[in-house]
Amino acid sequence: MTIKRETIGASKRIVIKIGTSSIMMADGTVNYQQFDRLAYVLSSLKQAGKEIILVSSGAIGVGMDKLYLAERPKTIRQQQAVAAVGQSEMMNLYSRFFSHYKQTVGQILMTRDIVEFPESHKNVVNTFETLLDMGIIPVVNENDAVAVDELEHETKFGDNDQLSAIVAEITHADLLIMLSDVDGFYDKNPSKFADATLFHTVHNVDDSVMALAGDVGSNFGTGGMITKLKAAKHLLKNNQSMVLASAADPTILFDILAGLEIGTYFTPQSK
């Protein structure tokens, strides 16, 4: 019997997060097919009446491909320069592929201080609301070209898993769907242990759950399972929900929003 998550289908405003490794090929080149699939699925969901916000990593990965760099730069200034090139190219790709499906996208680059200062917080929320009212899909990324960690003025979110949770919070999204290079949260690393068991539903992310998170990450991205669990924990505290699922085929989003039991569903007990 197929188990259905009835409440997911009612989600109206949805944040979709995709990681760097999910839009890049293993050899470090851009995965154009993935861009096209993502544009098709999100445009279709928008056409079906959903409000979609895309949080996309990948500025440095796309920048490395654009600049023919075989290795990630070591210094912060070099990484920020590559990110500046990559962010421009990545938005160009999104704009081109979404336009195939008659869908307009708009870029929002964020730093942590934006959501911590009241006036900036209000302004960015207004921008999200206006874009959504205009039928435009916001494409969000951390502003890697300028964001740094400083003692008195921290501007980095740290990773886009945390950013996507904060975007879901400030936009009052009904659901965050995190697409990753893993297809859910397991009791152990499934790439190392054949008997790893998938958690279908998680209601609370406590220390015992965090302890199960292995160091799962790709060569391109900065996030692992721990950052995804932190994002889920953040949302659960705000009585919001998140699905963690595989990014291999973005059409999986149709099944998730149809309520099929795919990936791991982090949701408050009350829901």
Protein backbone atom coordinates (compact mmCIF):
# COMPACT_ATOMS: atom_id res chain seq x y z
CA MET A 1 0.00 0.00 0.00
CA THR A 2 1.29 3.45 -0.95
CA ILE A 3 1.38 5.83 2.01
CA LYS A 4 0.33 9.38 1.19
CA ARG A 5 1.28 12.56 2.99
CA GLU A 6 -2.03 14.29 2.60
CA THR A 7 -1.02 17.71 3.93
CA ILE A 8 1.83 18.23 1.45
CA GLY A 9 -0.47 18.51 -1.55
CA ALA A 10 -2.14 21.54 0.00
CA SER A 11 1.16 23.46 0.09
CA LYS A 12 0.81 26.72 -1.81
CA ARG A 13 4.11 28.53 -1.27
CA ILE A 14 7.09 26.21 -1.70
CA VAL A 15 10.83 26.83 -1.40
CA ILE A 16 12.96 24.47 -3.50
CA LYS A 17 16.65 24.21 -2.63
CA ILE A 18 19.17 22.56 -4.95
CA GLY A 19 22.86 22.06 -4.22
CA THR A 20 25.92 22.64 -6.34
CA SER A 21 26.60 18.94 -6.93
CA SER A 22 23.08 18.56 -8.32
CA ILE A 23 23.59 21.06 -11.15
CA MET A 24 27.17 20.06 -12.01
CA MET A 25 28.51 16.97 -13.74
CA ALA A 26 31.07 14.77 -11.98
CA ASP A 27 33.80 16.17 -14.23
CA GLY A 28 33.11 19.73 -13.07
CA THR A 29 31.13 20.91 -16.10
CA VAL A 30 27.64 22.36 -15.99
CA ASN A 31 24.78 19.85 -16.15
CA TYR A 32 22.61 21.60 -18.75
CA GLN A 33 20.00 18.84 -18.72
CA GLN A 34 19.48 19.41 -15.01
CA PHE A 35 18.92 23.13 -15.55
CA ASP A 36 16.35 22.31 -18.21
CA ARG A 37 14.54 19.71 -16.09
CA LEU A 38 14.42 22.05 -13.11
CA ALA A 39 13.07 24.89 -15.24
CA TYR A 40 10.40 22.60 -16.72
CA VAL A 41 9.23 21.23 -13.37
CA LEU A 42 9.18 24.55 -11.51
CA SER A 43 7.45 26.30 -14.41
CA SER A 44 4.83 23.53 -14.47
CA LEU A 45 4.26 23.86 -10.72
CA LYS A 46 3.93 27.63 -11.09
CA GLN A 47 1.42 27.07 -13.91
CA ALA A 48 -0.53 24.75 -11.59
CA GLY A 49 -0.98 27.58 -9.09
CA LYS A 50 1.98 27.09 -6.77
CA GLU A 51 4.18 29.95 -5.58
CA ILE A 52 7.76 28.82 -6.14
CA ILE A 53 11.01 30.15 -4.70
CA LEU A 54 14.25 28.52 -5.86
CA VAL A 55 17.34 28.61 -3.64
CA SER A 56 20.24 27.55 -5.83
CA SER A 57 23.85 26.98 -4.91
CA GLY A 58 26.44 26.73 -7.65
CA ALA A 59 28.08 30.12 -8.20
CA ILE A 60 31.60 28.85 -7.56
CA GLY A 61 31.01 25.55 -9.38
CA VAL A 62 29.61 27.26 -12.47
CA GLY A 63 32.34 29.91 -12.25
CA MET A 64 35.05 27.27 -12.18
CA ASP A 65 33.59 25.72 -15.33
CA LYS A 66 33.32 29.11 -17.04
CA LEU A 67 36.95 29.93 -16.19
CA TYR A 68 38.22 26.40 -16.97
CA LEU A 69 39.53 25.90 -13.44
CA ALA A 70 40.27 22.31 -12.44
CA GLU A 71 40.55 23.05 -8.71
CA ARG A 72 38.58 25.25 -6.34
CA PRO A 73 40.57 28.42 -5.50
CA LYS A 74 42.19 28.41 -2.07
CA THR A 75 41.97 32.07 -1.05
CA ILE A 76 38.78 33.92 -0.11
CA ARG A 77 39.41 36.71 -2.64
CA GLN A 78 39.87 34.19 -5.46
CA GLN A 79 36.72 32.29 -4.44
CA GLN A 80 34.74 35.54 -4.39
CA ALA A 81 36.02 36.49 -7.84
CA VAL A 82 35.05 33.08 -9.23
CA ALA A 83 31.66 33.38 -7.51
CA ALA A 84 31.07 36.77 -9.17
CA VAL A 85 31.66 35.23 -12.59
CA GLY A 86 29.71 32.08 -11.76
CA GLN A 87 26.67 33.86 -10.32
CA SER A 88 26.26 35.87 -13.50
CA GLU A 89 26.60 32.78 -15.68
CA MET A 90 24.28 30.71 -13.48
CA MET A 91 21.50 33.31 -13.66
CA ASN A 92 22.03 33.51 -17.42
CA LEU A 93 21.44 29.74 -17.60
CA TYR A 94 18.34 29.87 -15.41
CA SER A 95 16.93 32.80 -17.38
CA ARG A 96 17.49 31.02 -20.71
CA PHE A 97 16.06 27.65 -19.65
CA PHE A 98 13.06 29.11 -17.81
CA SER A 99 12.27 31.28 -20.83
CA HIS A 100 11.74 28.08 -22.85
CA TYR A 101 8.69 27.51 -20.65
CA LYS A 102 7.56 31.17 -20.76
CA GLN A 103 8.55 31.69 -17.13
CA THR A 104 10.39 34.76 -15.84
CA VAL A 105 12.89 34.51 -12.99
CA GLY A 106 14.42 37.21 -10.80
CA GLN A 107 17.65 37.15 -8.82
CA ILE A 108 17.88 37.78 -5.07
CA LEU A 109 21.35 37.69 -3.52
CA MET A 110 21.36 37.66 0.27
CA THR A 111 23.77 38.12 3.14
CA ARG A 112 22.97 37.31 6.75
CA ASP A 113 22.78 40.93 7.88
CA ILE A 114 19.85 41.45 5.51
CA VAL A 115 17.57 39.34 7.69
CA GLU A 116 19.06 40.56 10.98
CA PHE A 117 18.48 44.28 10.44
CA PRO A 118 14.76 45.21 10.63
CA GLU A 119 14.65 47.63 7.69
CA SER A 120 16.62 45.30 5.41
CA HIS A 121 14.46 42.38 6.56
CA LYS A 122 11.30 44.28 5.62
CA ASN A 123 12.73 45.26 2.24
CA VAL A 124 13.76 41.73 1.24
CA VAL A 125 10.36 40.33 2.31
CA ASN A 126 8.69 43.01 0.19
CA THR A 127 10.85 42.01 -2.77
CA PHE A 128 9.88 38.35 -2.41
CA GLU A 129 6.19 39.22 -2.11
CA THR A 130 6.27 41.54 -5.11
CA LEU A 131 8.06 39.05 -7.33
CA LEU A 132 5.58 36.31 -6.38
CA ASP A 133 2.64 38.67 -6.95
CA MET A 134 4.02 39.38 -10.43
CA GLY A 135 4.25 35.66 -11.22
CA ILE A 136 8.05 35.70 -11.16
CA ILE A 137 10.08 32.87 -9.61
CA PRO A 138 12.78 34.30 -7.30
CA VAL A 139 16.17 32.57 -7.63
CA VAL A 140 18.06 33.03 -4.37
CA ASN A 141 21.69 32.51 -3.50
CA GLU A 142 24.07 33.77 -0.86
CA ASN A 143 26.03 36.75 -2.12
CA ASP A 144 29.33 34.87 -2.16
CA ALA A 145 31.13 37.72 -3.91
CA VAL A 146 30.93 39.91 -0.80
CA ALA A 147 29.86 37.76 2.16
CA VAL A 148 32.50 37.22 4.82
CA ASP A 149 32.64 36.18 8.48
CA GLU A 150 33.76 39.01 10.73
CA LEU A 151 33.72 39.30 14.51
CA GLU A 152 31.35 42.25 14.70
CA HIS A 153 29.51 42.04 11.41
CA GLU A 154 28.81 38.49 10.28
CA THR A 155 27.41 38.39 6.74
CA LYS A 156 27.63 34.70 5.79
CA PHE A 157 24.83 32.19 6.27
CA GLY A 158 27.50 29.47 6.15
CA ASP A 159 25.70 27.29 3.61
CA ASN A 160 22.62 27.39 1.45
CA ASP A 161 20.86 24.72 3.52
CA GLN A 162 20.59 27.30 6.31
CA LEU A 163 19.76 30.03 3.80
CA SER A 164 16.88 28.00 2.35
CA ALA A 165 15.42 27.47 5.84
CA ILE A 166 15.64 31.20 6.59
CA VAL A 167 14.04 32.04 3.23
CA ALA A 168 11.22 29.59 4.03
CA GLU A 169 10.83 31.27 7.43
CA ILE A 170 10.73 34.91 6.31
CA THR A 171 8.41 34.19 3.36
CA HIS A 172 6.11 32.04 5.54
CA ALA A 173 6.43 29.15 3.08
CA ASP A 174 4.23 26.11 3.52
CA LEU A 175 7.06 23.73 2.66
CA LEU A 176 10.79 23.53 1.96
CA ILE A 177 11.88 20.78 -0.42
CA MET A 178 15.61 20.22 -0.25
CA LEU A 179 16.94 18.37 -3.30
CA SER A 180 20.30 16.76 -2.64
CA ASP A 181 22.78 14.11 -3.70
CA VAL A 182 21.20 11.83 -1.07
CA ASP A 183 17.61 10.61 -1.22
CA GLY A 184 16.74 11.18 2.42
CA PHE A 185 18.00 10.89 5.99
CA TYR A 186 19.31 7.46 6.99
CA ASP A 187 20.41 5.97 10.29
CA LYS A 188 23.87 5.60 8.74
CA ASN A 189 25.67 6.59 5.54
CA PRO A 190 23.93 4.60 2.73
CA SER A 191 26.96 4.91 0.45
CA LYS A 192 29.04 2.97 2.99
CA PHE A 193 26.49 0.66 4.65
CA ALA A 194 24.16 -1.57 2.65
CA ASP A 195 21.83 -2.01 5.64
CA ALA A 196 21.24 1.72 6.12
CA THR A 197 17.58 2.47 6.89
CA LEU A 198 15.74 5.51 5.60
CA PHE A 199 13.71 7.60 8.03
CA HIS A 200 10.41 8.37 6.26
CA THR A 201 9.15 10.87 8.86
CA VAL A 202 10.98 12.84 11.55
CA HIS A 203 9.13 15.03 14.07
CA ASN A 204 12.04 16.23 16.18
CA VAL A 205 15.72 16.91 15.46
CA ASP A 206 17.47 16.44 18.79
CA ASP A 207 21.02 15.51 19.75
CA SER A 208 20.39 11.81 19.15
CA VAL A 209 19.22 12.52 15.60
CA MET A 210 22.14 14.87 14.92
CA ALA A 211 24.53 12.16 16.12
CA LEU A 212 23.38 9.91 13.27
CA ALA A 213 24.48 12.41 10.62
CA GLY A 214 27.56 11.34 8.76
CA ASP A 215 29.93 13.49 6.76
CA VAL A 216 27.99 13.30 3.51
CA GLY A 217 29.10 15.90 0.98
CA SER A 218 30.36 16.25 -2.56
CA ASN A 219 33.52 17.72 -3.98
CA PHE A 220 31.61 20.78 -5.15
CA GLY A 221 29.28 21.76 -2.33
CA THR A 222 29.87 22.79 1.26
CA GLY A 223 26.88 21.12 2.90
CA GLY A 224 26.55 17.70 4.44
CA MET A 225 23.79 15.91 6.31
CA ILE A 226 24.43 17.94 9.46
CA THR A 227 23.61 21.22 7.71
CA LYS A 228 20.39 19.69 6.34
CA LEU A 229 19.35 18.55 9.80
CA LYS A 230 20.09 22.01 11.19
CA ALA A 231 17.84 23.47 8.50
CA ALA A 232 15.10 20.99 9.39
CA LYS A 233 15.48 21.80 13.08
CA HIS A 234 15.13 25.51 12.34
CA LEU A 235 11.90 24.93 10.44
CA LEU A 236 10.41 22.56 13.01
CA LYS A 237 10.89 25.22 15.67
CA ASN A 238 8.78 27.52 13.49
CA ASN A 239 6.10 24.86 12.97
CA GLN A 240 7.13 24.48 9.33
CA SER A 241 7.92 21.35 7.30
CA MET A 242 10.68 20.11 5.02
CA VAL A 243 11.22 17.21 2.64
CA LEU A 244 14.73 15.94 1.91
CA ALA A 245 14.89 14.00 -1.35
CA SER A 246 17.13 13.13 -4.29
CA ALA A 247 17.89 15.76 -6.92
CA ALA A 248 18.76 13.15 -9.57
CA ASP A 249 15.49 13.74 -11.41
CA PRO A 250 13.65 16.99 -10.56
CA THR A 251 10.34 15.50 -11.78
CA ILE A 252 10.32 13.83 -8.35
CA LEU A 253 8.83 17.14 -7.18
CA PHE A 254 5.54 16.21 -8.85
CA ASP A 255 5.35 13.00 -6.80
CA ILE A 256 6.36 14.73 -3.57
CA LEU A 257 3.62 17.32 -3.98
CA ALA A 258 1.17 14.56 -4.89
CA GLY A 259 1.77 13.33 -1.35
CA LEU A 260 3.75 10.19 -2.17
CA GLU A 261 6.10 8.97 0.57
CA ILE A 262 9.40 10.06 -0.97
CA GLY A 263 12.54 10.99 0.92
CA THR A 264 12.36 12.11 4.54
CA TYR A 265 9.54 14.33 5.73
CA PHE A 266 10.45 16.58 8.63
CA THR A 267 7.20 17.86 10.09
CA PRO A 268 5.91 18.94 13.51
CA GLN A 269 3.96 16.29 15.40
CA SER A 270 0.87 18.49 15.24
CA LYS A 271 0.79 18.23 11.45
